[in-house]
């Protein structure tokens, strides 16, 4: 018997144990950020608006990217710190654009 709603998601499958081995859960955002190349902000939670982005930048591997899916961050300030920033519906960093 099919699981509830399996019929309308034919390409989705249950997570295999090997899939879950690739997932890491951390206690804090900074734990997740440390050593990463990119941050994807996909929520409007205040926790992500108020991160210490200077410390965040220092903890990341360079180049450091921010993908702001909710456009809640100050992109100009982040670029000034050294981040490469992409905001949904916003212009790309000037050096990324073609001449």
C-alpha atoms as a PDB file:
ATOM      1  CA  UNK A   1       0.000   0.000   0.000  1.00  0.00           C
ATOM      2  CA  UNK A   2       1.258   3.471  -0.864  1.00  0.00           C
ATOM      3  CA  UNK A   3       2.026   5.975   1.852  1.00  0.00           C
ATOM      4  CA  UNK A   4      -0.312   8.919   2.132  1.00  0.00           C
ATOM      5  CA  UNK A   5       0.470  11.410  -0.669  1.00  0.00           C
ATOM      6  CA  UNK A   6       3.083   9.197  -2.366  1.00  0.00           C
ATOM      7  CA  UNK A   7       0.883   9.109  -5.439  1.00  0.00           C
ATOM      8  CA  UNK A   8       1.278  12.857  -6.157  1.00  0.00           C
ATOM      9  CA  UNK A   9       5.074  12.917  -5.777  1.00  0.00           C
ATOM     10  CA  UNK A  10       6.276  10.135  -8.050  1.00  0.00           C
ATOM     11  CA  UNK A  11       9.859  11.396  -8.286  1.00  0.00           C
ATOM     12  CA  UNK A  12      10.370  11.896  -4.560  1.00  0.00           C
ATOM     13  CA  UNK A  13      11.722   9.092  -2.445  1.00  0.00           C
ATOM     14  CA  UNK A  14      12.305   8.506   1.210  1.00  0.00           C
ATOM     15  CA  UNK A  15      15.711   9.556   2.458  1.00  0.00           C
ATOM     16  CA  UNK A  16      18.123   6.705   2.440  1.00  0.00           C
ATOM     17  CA  UNK A  17      20.578   6.288   5.287  1.00  0.00           C
ATOM     18  CA  UNK A  18      23.410   7.309   2.932  1.00  0.00           C
ATOM     19  CA  UNK A  19      21.529  10.546   2.122  1.00  0.00           C
ATOM     20  CA  UNK A  20      21.243  11.410   5.800  1.00  0.00           C
ATOM     21  CA  UNK A  21      24.965  10.901   6.341  1.00  0.00           C
ATOM     22  CA  UNK A  22      25.492  14.026   4.247  1.00  0.00           C
ATOM     23  CA  UNK A  23      23.323  16.171   6.554  1.00  0.00           C
ATOM     24  CA  UNK A  24      24.886  17.978   9.502  1.00  0.00           C
ATOM     25  CA  UNK A  25      22.797  19.607  12.210  1.00  0.00           C
ATOM     26  CA  UNK A  26      24.403  22.331  14.318  1.00  0.00           C
ATOM     27  CA  UNK A  27      23.354  24.112  17.495  1.00  0.00           C
ATOM     28  CA  UNK A  28      23.947  27.627  16.169  1.00  0.00           C
ATOM     29  CA  UNK A  29      24.129  29.490  12.889  1.00  0.00           C
ATOM     30  CA  UNK A  30      27.797  30.293  13.544  1.00  0.00           C
ATOM     31  CA  UNK A  31      28.565  26.586  13.944  1.00  0.00           C
ATOM     32  CA  UNK A  32      27.053  25.981  10.513  1.00  0.00           C
ATOM     33  CA  UNK A  33      28.763  28.983   8.943  1.00  0.00           C
ATOM     34  CA  UNK A  34      32.303  28.261  10.140  1.00  0.00           C
ATOM     35  CA  UNK A  35      34.399  26.931   7.260  1.00  0.00           C
ATOM     36  CA  UNK A  36      31.659  27.340   4.656  1.00  0.00           C
ATOM     37  CA  UNK A  37      31.814  29.170   1.322  1.00  0.00           C
ATOM     38  CA  UNK A  38      28.198  30.318   1.278  1.00  0.00           C
ATOM     39  CA  UNK A  39      25.198  31.264   3.361  1.00  0.00           C
ATOM     40  CA  UNK A  40      21.649  30.895   2.060  1.00  0.00           C
ATOM     41  CA  UNK A  41      19.116  32.953   3.995  1.00  0.00           C
ATOM     42  CA  UNK A  42      15.725  31.425   3.299  1.00  0.00           C
ATOM     43  CA  UNK A  43      13.733  32.794   6.231  1.00  0.00           C
ATOM     44  CA  UNK A  44      12.907  36.178   7.728  1.00  0.00           C
ATOM     45  CA  UNK A  45      13.769  35.138  11.275  1.00  0.00           C
ATOM     46  CA  UNK A  46      15.328  37.932  13.323  1.00  0.00           C
ATOM     47  CA  UNK A  47      18.213  35.611  14.270  1.00  0.00           C
ATOM     48  CA  UNK A  48      19.576  35.883  10.734  1.00  0.00           C
ATOM     49  CA  UNK A  49      19.050  39.633  10.441  1.00  0.00           C
ATOM     50  CA  UNK A  50      21.139  40.266  13.541  1.00  0.00           C
ATOM     51  CA  UNK A  51      24.150  38.013  12.944  1.00  0.00           C
ATOM     52  CA  UNK A  52      27.560  39.591  13.482  1.00  0.00           C
ATOM     53  CA  UNK A  53      28.492  39.558   9.798  1.00  0.00           C
ATOM     54  CA  UNK A  54      32.050  40.726  10.439  1.00  0.00           C
ATOM     55  CA  UNK A  55      32.579  37.580  12.544  1.00  0.00           C
ATOM     56  CA  UNK A  56      30.664  35.553   9.967  1.00  0.00           C
ATOM     57  CA  UNK A  57      32.947  36.762   7.164  1.00  0.00           C
ATOM     58  CA  UNK A  58      36.051  35.997   9.199  1.00  0.00           C
ATOM     59  CA  UNK A  59      34.793  32.439   9.913  1.00  0.00           C
ATOM     60  CA  UNK A  60      34.084  31.640   6.255  1.00  0.00           C
ATOM     61  CA  UNK A  61      36.300  30.329   3.460  1.00  0.00           C
ATOM     62  CA  UNK A  62      36.907  32.964   0.792  1.00  0.00           C
ATOM     63  CA  UNK A  63      35.380  33.855  -1.533  1.00  0.00           C
ATOM     64  CA  UNK A  64      32.397  34.163   0.805  1.00  0.00           C
ATOM     65  CA  UNK A  65      28.922  34.229  -0.733  1.00  0.00           C
ATOM     66  CA  UNK A  66      25.561  35.308   0.686  1.00  0.00           C
ATOM     67  CA  UNK A  67      22.371  34.243  -1.087  1.00  0.00           C
ATOM     68  CA  UNK A  68      19.560  36.304   0.432  1.00  0.00           C
ATOM     69  CA  UNK A  69      16.322  34.640  -0.587  1.00  0.00           C
ATOM     70  CA  UNK A  70      14.191  37.036   1.461  1.00  0.00           C
ATOM     71  CA  UNK A  71      16.079  40.307   0.829  1.00  0.00           C
ATOM     72  CA  UNK A  72      16.299  41.011   4.552  1.00  0.00           C
ATOM     73  CA  UNK A  73      19.998  41.853   4.705  1.00  0.00           C
ATOM     74  CA  UNK A  74      21.918  45.050   3.952  1.00  0.00           C
ATOM     75  CA  UNK A  75      23.570  44.003   0.692  1.00  0.00           C
ATOM     76  CA  UNK A  76      25.692  47.137   0.350  1.00  0.00           C
ATOM     77  CA  UNK A  77      27.149  46.675   3.852  1.00  0.00           C
ATOM     78  CA  UNK A  78      27.830  42.987   3.188  1.00  0.00           C
ATOM     79  CA  UNK A  79      29.626  43.824  -0.064  1.00  0.00           C
ATOM     80  CA  UNK A  80      31.680  46.427   1.780  1.00  0.00           C
ATOM     81  CA  UNK A  81      32.809  43.667   4.180  1.00  0.00           C
ATOM     82  CA  UNK A  82      33.913  41.520   1.229  1.00  0.00           C
ATOM     83  CA  UNK A  83      30.942  39.221   0.641  1.00  0.00           C
ATOM     84  CA  UNK A  84      29.685  38.394  -2.837  1.00  0.00           C
ATOM     85  CA  UNK A  85      25.942  38.923  -2.446  1.00  0.00           C
ATOM     86  CA  UNK A  86      22.982  37.676  -4.456  1.00  0.00           C
ATOM     87  CA  UNK A  87      19.486  38.848  -3.562  1.00  0.00           C
ATOM     88  CA  UNK A  88      16.394  37.456  -5.237  1.00  0.00           C
ATOM     89  CA  UNK A  89      15.287  39.986  -7.862  1.00  0.00           C
ATOM     90  CA  UNK A  90      18.254  42.283  -7.161  1.00  0.00           C
ATOM     91  CA  UNK A  91      21.156  43.234  -9.465  1.00  0.00           C
ATOM     92  CA  UNK A  92      24.286  41.109  -9.245  1.00  0.00           C
ATOM     93  CA  UNK A  93      27.574  42.411  -7.877  1.00  0.00           C
ATOM     94  CA  UNK A  94      29.068  44.786 -10.473  1.00  0.00           C
ATOM     95  CA  UNK A  95      32.181  42.645 -11.105  1.00  0.00           C
ATOM     96  CA  UNK A  96      29.983  39.629 -11.943  1.00  0.00           C
ATOM     97  CA  UNK A  97      27.992  41.447 -14.634  1.00  0.00           C
ATOM     98  CA  UNK A  98      29.181  41.287 -18.228  1.00  0.00           C
ATOM     99  CA  UNK A  99      30.451  44.524 -19.754  1.00  0.00           C
END
